[in-house]
Amino acid sequence: MTRNKRLGKKLRLAKRIKQSRWAPFWTVPKIYGKTRRVHPGRHTRVKRNWRKTRTKA
């Protein structure tokens, strides 16, 4: 990859980073109730890691 990235590519990569973050912590009690303890990473749509899965950005 080049040292300087084009703006469009940067925006696409930034979107991918946002998709693979954990969901907010308040989603857990909202979905399961106060007593259930679940990791907020379960509620993310796309689970992607930069080592495991490539993107077409």
N, C-alpha and C. Protein backbone atom coordinates (compact mmCIF):
# COMPACT_ATOMS: atom_id res chain seq x y z
N MET A 1 0.85 -1.17 0.00
CA MET A 1 0.00 0.00 0.00
C MET A 1 0.90 1.24 0.00
N THR A 2 0.43 2.26 -0.63
CA THR A 2 1.23 3.47 -0.71
C THR A 2 1.28 4.18 0.63
N ARG A 3 2.22 5.08 0.75
CA ARG A 3 2.35 5.83 2.00
C ARG A 3 1.17 6.77 2.19
N ASN A 4 0.80 7.49 1.13
CA ASN A 4 -0.33 8.41 1.19
C ASN A 4 -1.55 7.75 0.55
N LYS A 5 -2.65 7.71 1.31
CA LYS A 5 -3.87 7.08 0.80
C LYS A 5 -4.81 8.14 0.22
N ARG A 6 -5.53 7.73 -0.81
CA ARG A 6 -6.54 8.62 -1.40
C ARG A 6 -7.69 8.79 -0.41
N LEU A 7 -8.37 9.91 -0.51
CA LEU A 7 -9.44 10.23 0.44
C LEU A 7 -10.54 9.19 0.41
N GLY A 8 -10.95 8.75 -0.78
CA GLY A 8 -12.03 7.77 -0.89
C GLY A 8 -11.69 6.47 -0.20
N LYS A 9 -10.46 6.03 -0.37
CA LYS A 9 -10.02 4.79 0.25
C LYS A 9 -9.98 4.93 1.77
N LYS A 10 -9.53 6.08 2.24
CA LYS A 10 -9.50 6.34 3.67
C LYS A 10 -10.90 6.29 4.27
N LEU A 11 -11.86 6.89 3.57
CA LEU A 11 -13.23 6.89 4.07
C LEU A 11 -13.81 5.49 4.11
N ARG A 12 -13.51 4.69 3.09
CA ARG A 12 -14.01 3.30 3.08
C ARG A 12 -13.39 2.49 4.21
N LEU A 13 -12.09 2.67 4.44
CA LEU A 13 -11.44 1.95 5.54
C LEU A 13 -11.98 2.39 6.90
N ALA A 14 -12.25 3.68 7.04
CA ALA A 14 -12.81 4.18 8.30
C ALA A 14 -14.18 3.58 8.57
N LYS A 15 -14.97 3.40 7.52
CA LYS A 15 -16.29 2.79 7.68
C LYS A 15 -16.15 1.34 8.15
N ARG A 16 -15.17 0.62 7.61
CA ARG A 16 -14.95 -0.77 8.02
C ARG A 16 -14.53 -0.86 9.48
N ILE A 17 -13.72 0.10 9.94
CA ILE A 17 -13.29 0.11 11.34
C ILE A 17 -14.49 0.31 12.25
N LYS A 18 -15.38 1.23 11.89
CA LYS A 18 -16.56 1.49 12.71
C LYS A 18 -17.47 0.27 12.77
N GLN A 19 -17.55 -0.48 11.68
CA GLN A 19 -18.43 -1.65 11.65
C GLN A 19 -17.95 -2.76 12.59
N SER A 20 -16.65 -2.87 12.79
CA SER A 20 -16.14 -3.99 13.57
C SER A 20 -15.96 -3.64 15.05
N ARG A 21 -16.37 -2.44 15.47
CA ARG A 21 -16.27 -2.10 16.89
C ARG A 21 -17.39 -2.76 17.69
N TRP A 22 -17.20 -2.78 19.01
CA TRP A 22 -18.23 -3.32 19.88
C TRP A 22 -19.45 -2.42 19.87
N ALA A 23 -20.58 -3.00 20.18
CA ALA A 23 -21.81 -2.23 20.35
C ALA A 23 -21.71 -1.44 21.66
N PRO A 24 -22.51 -0.39 21.84
CA PRO A 24 -22.49 0.34 23.11
C PRO A 24 -22.90 -0.54 24.28
N PHE A 25 -22.36 -0.26 25.45
CA PHE A 25 -22.59 -1.11 26.62
C PHE A 25 -24.05 -1.12 27.04
N TRP A 26 -24.80 -0.04 26.76
CA TRP A 26 -26.19 0.02 27.21
C TRP A 26 -27.12 -0.86 26.38
N THR A 27 -26.63 -1.44 25.29
CA THR A 27 -27.49 -2.34 24.50
C THR A 27 -27.74 -3.66 25.22
N VAL A 28 -26.82 -4.05 26.11
CA VAL A 28 -26.97 -5.34 26.80
C VAL A 28 -28.20 -5.35 27.71
N PRO A 29 -28.34 -4.41 28.66
CA PRO A 29 -29.56 -4.45 29.48
C PRO A 29 -30.83 -4.16 28.68
N LYS A 30 -30.69 -3.40 27.60
CA LYS A 30 -31.87 -3.09 26.78
C LYS A 30 -32.41 -4.36 26.12
N ILE A 31 -31.52 -5.22 25.65
CA ILE A 31 -31.95 -6.43 24.94
C ILE A 31 -32.30 -7.55 25.92
N TYR A 32 -31.43 -7.79 26.92
CA TYR A 32 -31.57 -8.97 27.77
C TYR A 32 -32.17 -8.70 29.14
N GLY A 33 -32.24 -7.45 29.57
CA GLY A 33 -32.68 -7.13 30.93
C GLY A 33 -31.47 -6.81 31.81
N LYS A 34 -31.76 -6.37 33.04
CA LYS A 34 -30.68 -5.87 33.90
C LYS A 34 -29.74 -6.96 34.39
N THR A 35 -30.24 -8.16 34.63
CA THR A 35 -29.44 -9.18 35.29
C THR A 35 -28.52 -9.96 34.35
N ARG A 36 -28.86 -10.06 33.12
CA ARG A 36 -28.08 -10.88 32.17
C ARG A 36 -26.78 -10.19 31.81
N ARG A 37 -25.67 -10.92 31.88
CA ARG A 37 -24.37 -10.34 31.55
C ARG A 37 -23.85 -10.96 30.26
N VAL A 38 -23.82 -10.15 29.23
CA VAL A 38 -23.39 -10.59 27.91
C VAL A 38 -22.39 -9.58 27.38
N HIS A 39 -21.43 -10.05 26.63
CA HIS A 39 -20.43 -9.15 26.06
C HIS A 39 -21.06 -8.31 24.95
N PRO A 40 -20.80 -6.99 24.91
CA PRO A 40 -21.40 -6.15 23.89
C PRO A 40 -20.90 -6.43 22.48
N GLY A 41 -19.81 -7.19 22.36
CA GLY A 41 -19.31 -7.56 21.04
C GLY A 41 -20.26 -8.47 20.28
N ARG A 42 -21.19 -9.08 20.99
CA ARG A 42 -22.18 -9.94 20.33
C ARG A 42 -23.12 -9.18 19.43
N HIS A 43 -23.33 -7.91 19.72
CA HIS A 43 -24.36 -7.15 19.02
C HIS A 43 -23.84 -6.40 17.81
N THR A 44 -22.58 -6.60 17.45
CA THR A 44 -22.07 -5.91 16.27
C THR A 44 -22.46 -6.69 15.03
N ARG A 45 -22.78 -5.98 13.96
CA ARG A 45 -23.18 -6.63 12.72
C ARG A 45 -22.02 -7.39 12.09
N VAL A 46 -20.92 -6.67 11.86
CA VAL A 46 -19.78 -7.24 11.14
C VAL A 46 -18.65 -7.44 12.13
N LYS A 47 -18.16 -8.67 12.24
CA LYS A 47 -16.99 -8.94 13.07
C LYS A 47 -15.83 -9.24 12.12
N ARG A 48 -14.90 -8.32 12.08
CA ARG A 48 -13.80 -8.47 11.14
C ARG A 48 -12.51 -8.06 11.82
N ASN A 49 -11.43 -8.77 11.52
CA ASN A 49 -10.12 -8.43 12.05
C ASN A 49 -9.18 -8.18 10.88
N TRP A 50 -8.27 -7.25 11.03
CA TRP A 50 -7.38 -6.88 9.92
C TRP A 50 -6.43 -8.00 9.55
N ARG A 51 -6.16 -8.93 10.46
CA ARG A 51 -5.30 -10.05 10.12
C ARG A 51 -6.06 -11.16 9.40
N LYS A 52 -7.29 -11.42 9.85
CA LYS A 52 -8.02 -12.59 9.36
C LYS A 52 -8.73 -12.35 8.04
N THR A 53 -9.44 -11.24 7.93
CA THR A 53 -10.29 -11.03 6.75
C THR A 53 -9.90 -9.76 6.04
N ARG A 54 -9.75 -9.83 4.74
CA ARG A 54 -9.42 -8.67 3.92
C ARG A 54 -10.70 -7.94 3.51
N THR A 55 -10.57 -6.67 3.16
CA THR A 55 -11.69 -5.92 2.63
C THR A 55 -11.38 -5.55 1.19
N LYS A 56 -12.39 -5.19 0.46
CA LYS A 56 -12.18 -4.75 -0.93
C LYS A 56 -12.18 -3.23 -0.99
N ALA A 57 -11.60 -2.60 0.02
CA ALA A 57 -11.57 -1.12 0.07
C ALA A 57 -10.48 -0.58 -0.84
